[in-house]
Amino acid sequence: MRFDWDDRKNQLFKSQRGYSFEEVVTIFAGFYVERMKTDDPEQFIAIGYLNNIIVSVIY
């Protein structure tokens, strides 16, 4: 997969959550579960491991 993001949002996310979007996308390199959310707008949720911590990503 290819991911793009806004650098300012990435910096804000890292200051709020403690990790960057670059780190978060690494869950897709390992084992993860993905499903489509049922509400609008069309989004997906993926649950996987980031540094041995379970995280969820909505995209």
PDB file of N, CA and C in Angstrom:
ATOM      1  N   MET A   1       0.821  -1.179   0.000  1.00  0.00           N
ATOM      2  CA  MET A   1       0.000   0.000   0.000  1.00  0.00           C
ATOM      3  C   MET A   1       0.868   1.247   0.000  1.00  0.00           C
ATOM      4  N   ARG A   2       0.302   2.300  -0.502  1.00  0.00           N
ATOM      5  CA  ARG A   2       0.980   3.593  -0.497  1.00  0.00           C
ATOM      6  C   ARG A   2       0.164   4.553   0.367  1.00  0.00           C
ATOM      7  N   PHE A   3       0.831   5.289   1.242  1.00  0.00           N
ATOM      8  CA  PHE A   3       0.154   6.219   2.123  1.00  0.00           C
ATOM      9  C   PHE A   3       0.730   7.617   1.949  1.00  0.00           C
ATOM     10  N   ASP A   4      -0.142   8.601   1.972  1.00  0.00           N
ATOM     11  CA  ASP A   4       0.250  10.009   1.935  1.00  0.00           C
ATOM     12  C   ASP A   4      -0.397  10.699   3.130  1.00  0.00           C
ATOM     13  N   TRP A   5       0.268  11.710   3.672  1.00  0.00           N
ATOM     14  CA  TRP A   5      -0.318  12.468   4.767  1.00  0.00           C
ATOM     15  C   TRP A   5       0.264  13.861   4.802  1.00  0.00           C
ATOM     16  N   ASP A   6      -0.397  14.700   5.531  1.00  0.00           N
ATOM     17  CA  ASP A   6       0.026  16.080   5.738  1.00  0.00           C
ATOM     18  C   ASP A   6       1.091  16.095   6.839  1.00  0.00           C
ATOM     19  N   ASP A   7       2.211  16.742   6.573  1.00  0.00           N
ATOM     20  CA  ASP A   7       3.305  16.761   7.550  1.00  0.00           C
ATOM     21  C   ASP A   7       2.912  17.439   8.860  1.00  0.00           C
ATOM     22  N   ARG A   8       2.099  18.488   8.791  1.00  0.00           N
ATOM     23  CA  ARG A   8       1.665  19.158  10.019  1.00  0.00           C
ATOM     24  C   ARG A   8       0.785  18.230  10.868  1.00  0.00           C
ATOM     25  N   LYS A   9      -0.105  17.484  10.210  1.00  0.00           N
ATOM     26  CA  LYS A   9      -0.945  16.532  10.945  1.00  0.00           C
ATOM     27  C   LYS A   9      -0.084  15.426  11.550  1.00  0.00           C
ATOM     28  N   ASN A  10       0.953  15.016  10.828  1.00  0.00           N
ATOM     29  CA  ASN A  10       1.860  13.993  11.324  1.00  0.00           C
ATOM     30  C   ASN A  10       2.577  14.480  12.584  1.00  0.00           C
ATOM     31  N   GLN A  11       3.053  15.714  12.570  1.00  0.00           N
ATOM     32  CA  GLN A  11       3.734  16.274  13.740  1.00  0.00           C
ATOM     33  C   GLN A  11       2.781  16.400  14.923  1.00  0.00           C
ATOM     34  N   LEU A  12       1.568  16.860  14.668  1.00  0.00           N
ATOM     35  CA  LEU A  12       0.563  16.980  15.725  1.00  0.00           C
ATOM     36  C   LEU A  12       0.221  15.608  16.307  1.00  0.00           C
ATOM     37  N   PHE A  13       0.025  14.635  15.432  1.00  0.00           N
ATOM     38  CA  PHE A  13      -0.282  13.273  15.864  1.00  0.00           C
ATOM     39  C   PHE A  13       0.832  12.726  16.751  1.00  0.00           C
ATOM     40  N   LYS A  14       2.079  12.938  16.322  1.00  0.00           N
ATOM     41  CA  LYS A  14       3.212  12.427  17.104  1.00  0.00           C
ATOM     42  C   LYS A  14       3.275  13.097  18.472  1.00  0.00           C
ATOM     43  N   SER A  15       3.013  14.393  18.541  1.00  0.00           N
ATOM     44  CA  SER A  15       3.057  15.077  19.840  1.00  0.00           C
ATOM     45  C   SER A  15       1.906  14.630  20.741  1.00  0.00           C
ATOM     46  N   GLN A  16       0.753  14.292  20.160  1.00  0.00           N
ATOM     47  CA  GLN A  16      -0.400  13.861  20.947  1.00  0.00           C
ATOM     48  C   GLN A  16      -0.334  12.385  21.337  1.00  0.00           C
ATOM     49  N   ARG A  17       0.103  11.543  20.398  1.00  0.00           N
ATOM     50  CA  ARG A  17       0.030  10.090  20.599  1.00  0.00           C
ATOM     51  C   ARG A  17       1.361   9.429  20.907  1.00  0.00           C
ATOM     52  N   GLY A  18       2.471  10.085  20.557  1.00  0.00           N
ATOM     53  CA  GLY A  18       3.777   9.513  20.866  1.00  0.00           C
ATOM     54  C   GLY A  18       4.399   8.709  19.743  1.00  0.00           C
ATOM     55  N   TYR A  19       3.716   8.611  18.602  1.00  0.00           N
ATOM     56  CA  TYR A  19       4.299   7.942  17.439  1.00  0.00           C
ATOM     57  C   TYR A  19       3.805   8.623  16.170  1.00  0.00           C
ATOM     58  N   SER A  20       4.555   8.435  15.107  1.00  0.00           N
ATOM     59  CA  SER A  20       4.286   9.128  13.848  1.00  0.00           C
ATOM     60  C   SER A  20       3.497   8.246  12.890  1.00  0.00           C
ATOM     61  N   PHE A  21       2.987   8.864  11.832  1.00  0.00           N
ATOM     62  CA  PHE A  21       2.301   8.101  10.790  1.00  0.00           C
ATOM     63  C   PHE A  21       3.256   7.094  10.141  1.00  0.00           C
ATOM     64  N   GLU A  22       4.538   7.474  10.001  1.00  0.00           N
ATOM     65  CA  GLU A  22       5.515   6.532   9.425  1.00  0.00           C
ATOM     66  C   GLU A  22       5.590   5.262  10.262  1.00  0.00           C
ATOM     67  N   GLU A  23       5.524   5.410  11.565  1.00  0.00           N
ATOM     68  CA  GLU A  23       5.553   4.242  12.450  1.00  0.00           C
ATOM     69  C   GLU A  23       4.244   3.457  12.371  1.00  0.00           C
ATOM     70  N   VAL A  24       3.136   4.173  12.328  1.00  0.00           N
ATOM     71  CA  VAL A  24       1.821   3.519  12.318  1.00  0.00           C
ATOM     72  C   VAL A  24       1.641   2.635  11.091  1.00  0.00           C
ATOM     73  N   VAL A  25       2.084   3.079   9.928  1.00  0.00           N
ATOM     74  CA  VAL A  25       1.865   2.277   8.716  1.00  0.00           C
ATOM     75  C   VAL A  25       2.648   0.969   8.730  1.00  0.00           C
ATOM     76  N   THR A  26       3.588   0.814   9.652  1.00  0.00           N
ATOM     77  CA  THR A  26       4.332  -0.448   9.723  1.00  0.00           C
ATOM     78  C   THR A  26       3.449  -1.609  10.172  1.00  0.00           C
ATOM     79  N   ILE A  27       2.269  -1.326  10.746  1.00  0.00           N
ATOM     80  CA  ILE A  27       1.387  -2.449  11.120  1.00  0.00           C
ATOM     81  C   ILE A  27       0.979  -3.241   9.889  1.00  0.00           C
ATOM     82  N   PHE A  28       0.956  -2.604   8.729  1.00  0.00           N
ATOM     83  CA  PHE A  28       0.552  -3.297   7.502  1.00  0.00           C
ATOM     84  C   PHE A  28       1.627  -4.252   6.986  1.00  0.00           C
ATOM     85  N   ALA A  29       2.819  -4.189   7.548  1.00  0.00           N
ATOM     86  CA  ALA A  29       3.892  -5.109   7.164  1.00  0.00           C
ATOM     87  C   ALA A  29       3.810  -6.412   7.961  1.00  0.00           C
ATOM     88  N   GLY A  30       3.033  -6.413   9.035  1.00  0.00           N
ATOM     89  CA  GLY A  30       2.900  -7.603   9.880  1.00  0.00           C
ATOM     90  C   GLY A  30       1.498  -8.179   9.781  1.00  0.00           C
ATOM     91  N   PHE A  31       1.106  -8.869  10.824  1.00  0.00           N
ATOM     92  CA  PHE A  31      -0.236  -9.448  10.878  1.00  0.00           C
ATOM     93  C   PHE A  31      -1.208  -8.388  11.368  1.00  0.00           C
ATOM     94  N   TYR A  32      -2.308  -8.225  10.650  1.00  0.00           N
ATOM     95  CA  TYR A  32      -3.328  -7.274  11.051  1.00  0.00           C
ATOM     96  C   TYR A  32      -4.691  -7.731  10.546  1.00  0.00           C
ATOM     97  N   VAL A  33      -5.729  -7.216  11.174  1.00  0.00           N
ATOM     98  CA  VAL A  33      -7.107  -7.497  10.777  1.00  0.00           C
ATOM     99  C   VAL A  33      -7.672  -6.204  10.205  1.00  0.00           C
ATOM    100  N   GLU A  34      -8.386  -6.324   9.106  1.00  0.00           N
ATOM    101  CA  GLU A  34      -8.934  -5.137   8.458  1.00  0.00           C
ATOM    102  C   GLU A  34     -10.394  -5.380   8.121  1.00  0.00           C
ATOM    103  N   ARG A  35     -11.203  -4.335   8.294  1.00  0.00           N
ATOM    104  CA  ARG A  35     -12.597  -4.435   7.871  1.00  0.00           C
ATOM    105  C   ARG A  35     -13.104  -3.058   7.491  1.00  0.00           C
ATOM    106  N   MET A  36     -14.161  -3.049   6.713  1.00  0.00           N
ATOM    107  CA  MET A  36     -14.762  -1.793   6.291  1.00  0.00           C
ATOM    108  C   MET A  36     -15.739  -1.344   7.362  1.00  0.00           C
ATOM    109  N   LYS A  37     -15.666  -0.070   7.726  1.00  0.00           N
ATOM    110  CA  LYS A  37     -16.637   0.470   8.675  1.00  0.00           C
ATOM    111  C   LYS A  37     -17.987   0.572   7.979  1.00  0.00           C
ATOM    112  N   THR A  38     -19.049   0.525   8.756  1.00  0.00           N
ATOM    113  CA  THR A  38     -20.385   0.497   8.158  1.00  0.00           C
ATOM    114  C   THR A  38     -21.054   1.867   8.086  1.00  0.00           C
ATOM    115  N   ASP A  39     -20.396   2.895   8.603  1.00  0.00           N
ATOM    116  CA  ASP A  39     -21.002   4.223   8.559  1.00  0.00           C
ATOM    117  C   ASP A  39     -20.337   5.095   7.497  1.00  0.00           C
ATOM    118  N   ASP A  40     -20.929   6.242   7.242  1.00  0.00           N
ATOM    119  CA  ASP A  40     -20.353   7.185   6.278  1.00  0.00           C
ATOM    120  C   ASP A  40     -19.355   8.075   6.989  1.00  0.00           C
ATOM    121  N   PRO A  41     -18.321   8.539   6.336  1.00  0.00           N
ATOM    122  CA  PRO A  41     -17.903   8.197   4.983  1.00  0.00           C
ATOM    123  C   PRO A  41     -17.258   6.808   4.934  1.00  0.00           C
ATOM    124  N   GLU A  42     -17.045   6.317   3.731  1.00  0.00           N
ATOM    125  CA  GLU A  42     -16.433   4.997   3.577  1.00  0.00           C
ATOM    126  C   GLU A  42     -15.036   5.016   4.177  1.00  0.00           C
ATOM    127  N   GLN A  43     -14.828   4.179   5.171  1.00  0.00           N
ATOM    128  CA  GLN A  43     -13.539   4.087   5.850  1.00  0.00           C
ATOM    129  C   GLN A  43     -13.244   2.634   6.184  1.00  0.00           C
ATOM    130  N   PHE A  44     -11.973   2.377   6.436  1.00  0.00           N
ATOM    131  CA  PHE A  44     -11.531   1.063   6.866  1.00  0.00           C
ATOM    132  C   PHE A  44     -10.895   1.183   8.240  1.00  0.00           C
ATOM    133  N   ILE A  45     -10.954   0.098   8.990  1.00  0.00           N
ATOM    134  CA  ILE A  45     -10.259   0.023  10.274  1.00  0.00           C
ATOM    135  C   ILE A  45      -9.320  -1.176  10.212  1.00  0.00           C
ATOM    136  N   ALA A  46      -8.104  -0.965  10.657  1.00  0.00           N
ATOM    137  CA  ALA A  46      -7.119  -2.047  10.728  1.00  0.00           C
ATOM    138  C   ALA A  46      -6.625  -2.122  12.170  1.00  0.00           C
ATOM    139  N   ILE A  47      -6.478  -3.330  12.673  1.00  0.00           N
ATOM    140  CA  ILE A  47      -5.973  -3.553  14.021  1.00  0.00           C
ATOM    141  C   ILE A  47      -4.736  -4.424  13.900  1.00  0.00           C
ATOM    142  N   GLY A  48      -3.653  -3.948  14.460  1.00  0.00           N
ATOM    143  CA  GLY A  48      -2.395  -4.678  14.374  1.00  0.00           C
ATOM    144  C   GLY A  48      -1.446  -4.244  15.470  1.00  0.00           C
ATOM    145  N   TYR A  49      -0.210  -4.672  15.365  1.00  0.00           N
ATOM    146  CA  TYR A  49       0.791  -4.396  16.392  1.00  0.00           C
ATOM    147  C   TYR A  49       1.758  -3.315  15.942  1.00  0.00           C
ATOM    148  N   LEU A  50       2.031  -2.405  16.868  1.00  0.00           N
ATOM    149  CA  LEU A  50       3.054  -1.380  16.692  1.00  0.00           C
ATOM    150  C   LEU A  50       3.952  -1.459  17.919  1.00  0.00           C
ATOM    151  N   ASN A  51       5.168  -1.944  17.725  1.00  0.00           N
ATOM    152  CA  ASN A  51       6.106  -2.101  18.848  1.00  0.00           C
ATOM    153  C   ASN A  51       5.485  -2.912  19.993  1.00  0.00           C
ATOM    154  N   ASN A  52       4.890  -4.037  19.651  1.00  0.00           N
ATOM    155  CA  ASN A  52       4.265  -4.951  20.622  1.00  0.00           C
ATOM    156  C   ASN A  52       3.075  -4.355  21.365  1.00  0.00           C
ATOM    157  N   ILE A  53       2.467  -3.322  20.807  1.00  0.00           N
ATOM    158  CA  ILE A  53       1.262  -2.712  21.357  1.00  0.00           C
ATOM    159  C   ILE A  53       0.176  -2.829  20.294  1.00  0.00           C
ATOM    160  N   ILE A  54      -1.023  -3.252  20.689  1.00  0.00           N
ATOM    161  CA  ILE A  54      -2.128  -3.339  19.735  1.00  0.00           C
ATOM    162  C   ILE A  54      -2.672  -1.939  19.477  1.00  0.00           C
ATOM    163  N   VAL A  55      -2.760  -1.577  18.211  1.00  0.00           N
ATOM    164  CA  VAL A  55      -3.289  -0.263  17.820  1.00  0.00           C
ATOM    165  C   VAL A  55      -4.352  -0.454  16.753  1.00  0.00           C
ATOM    166  N   SER A  56      -5.252   0.523  16.660  1.00  0.00           N
ATOM    167  CA  SER A  56      -6.235   0.535  15.581  1.00  0.00           C
ATOM    168  C   SER A  56      -6.001   1.768  14.734  1.00  0.00           C
ATOM    169  N   VAL A  57      -6.159   1.598  13.441  1.00  0.00           N
ATOM    170  CA  VAL A  57      -5.930   2.667  12.478  1.00  0.00           C
ATOM    171  C   VAL A  57      -7.198   2.798  11.627  1.00  0.00           C
ATOM    172  N   ILE A  58      -7.725   3.989  11.553  1.00  0.00           N
ATOM    173  CA  ILE A  58      -8.878   4.240  10.702  1.00  0.00           C
ATOM    174  C   ILE A  58      -8.397   5.070   9.519  1.00  0.00           C
ATOM    175  N   TYR A  59      -8.711   4.588   8.333  1.00  0.00           N
ATOM    176  CA  TYR A  59      -8.269   5.300   7.121  1.00  0.00           C
ATOM    177  C   TYR A  59      -9.298   5.177   6.038  1.00  0.00           C
TER     178      TYR A  59
END
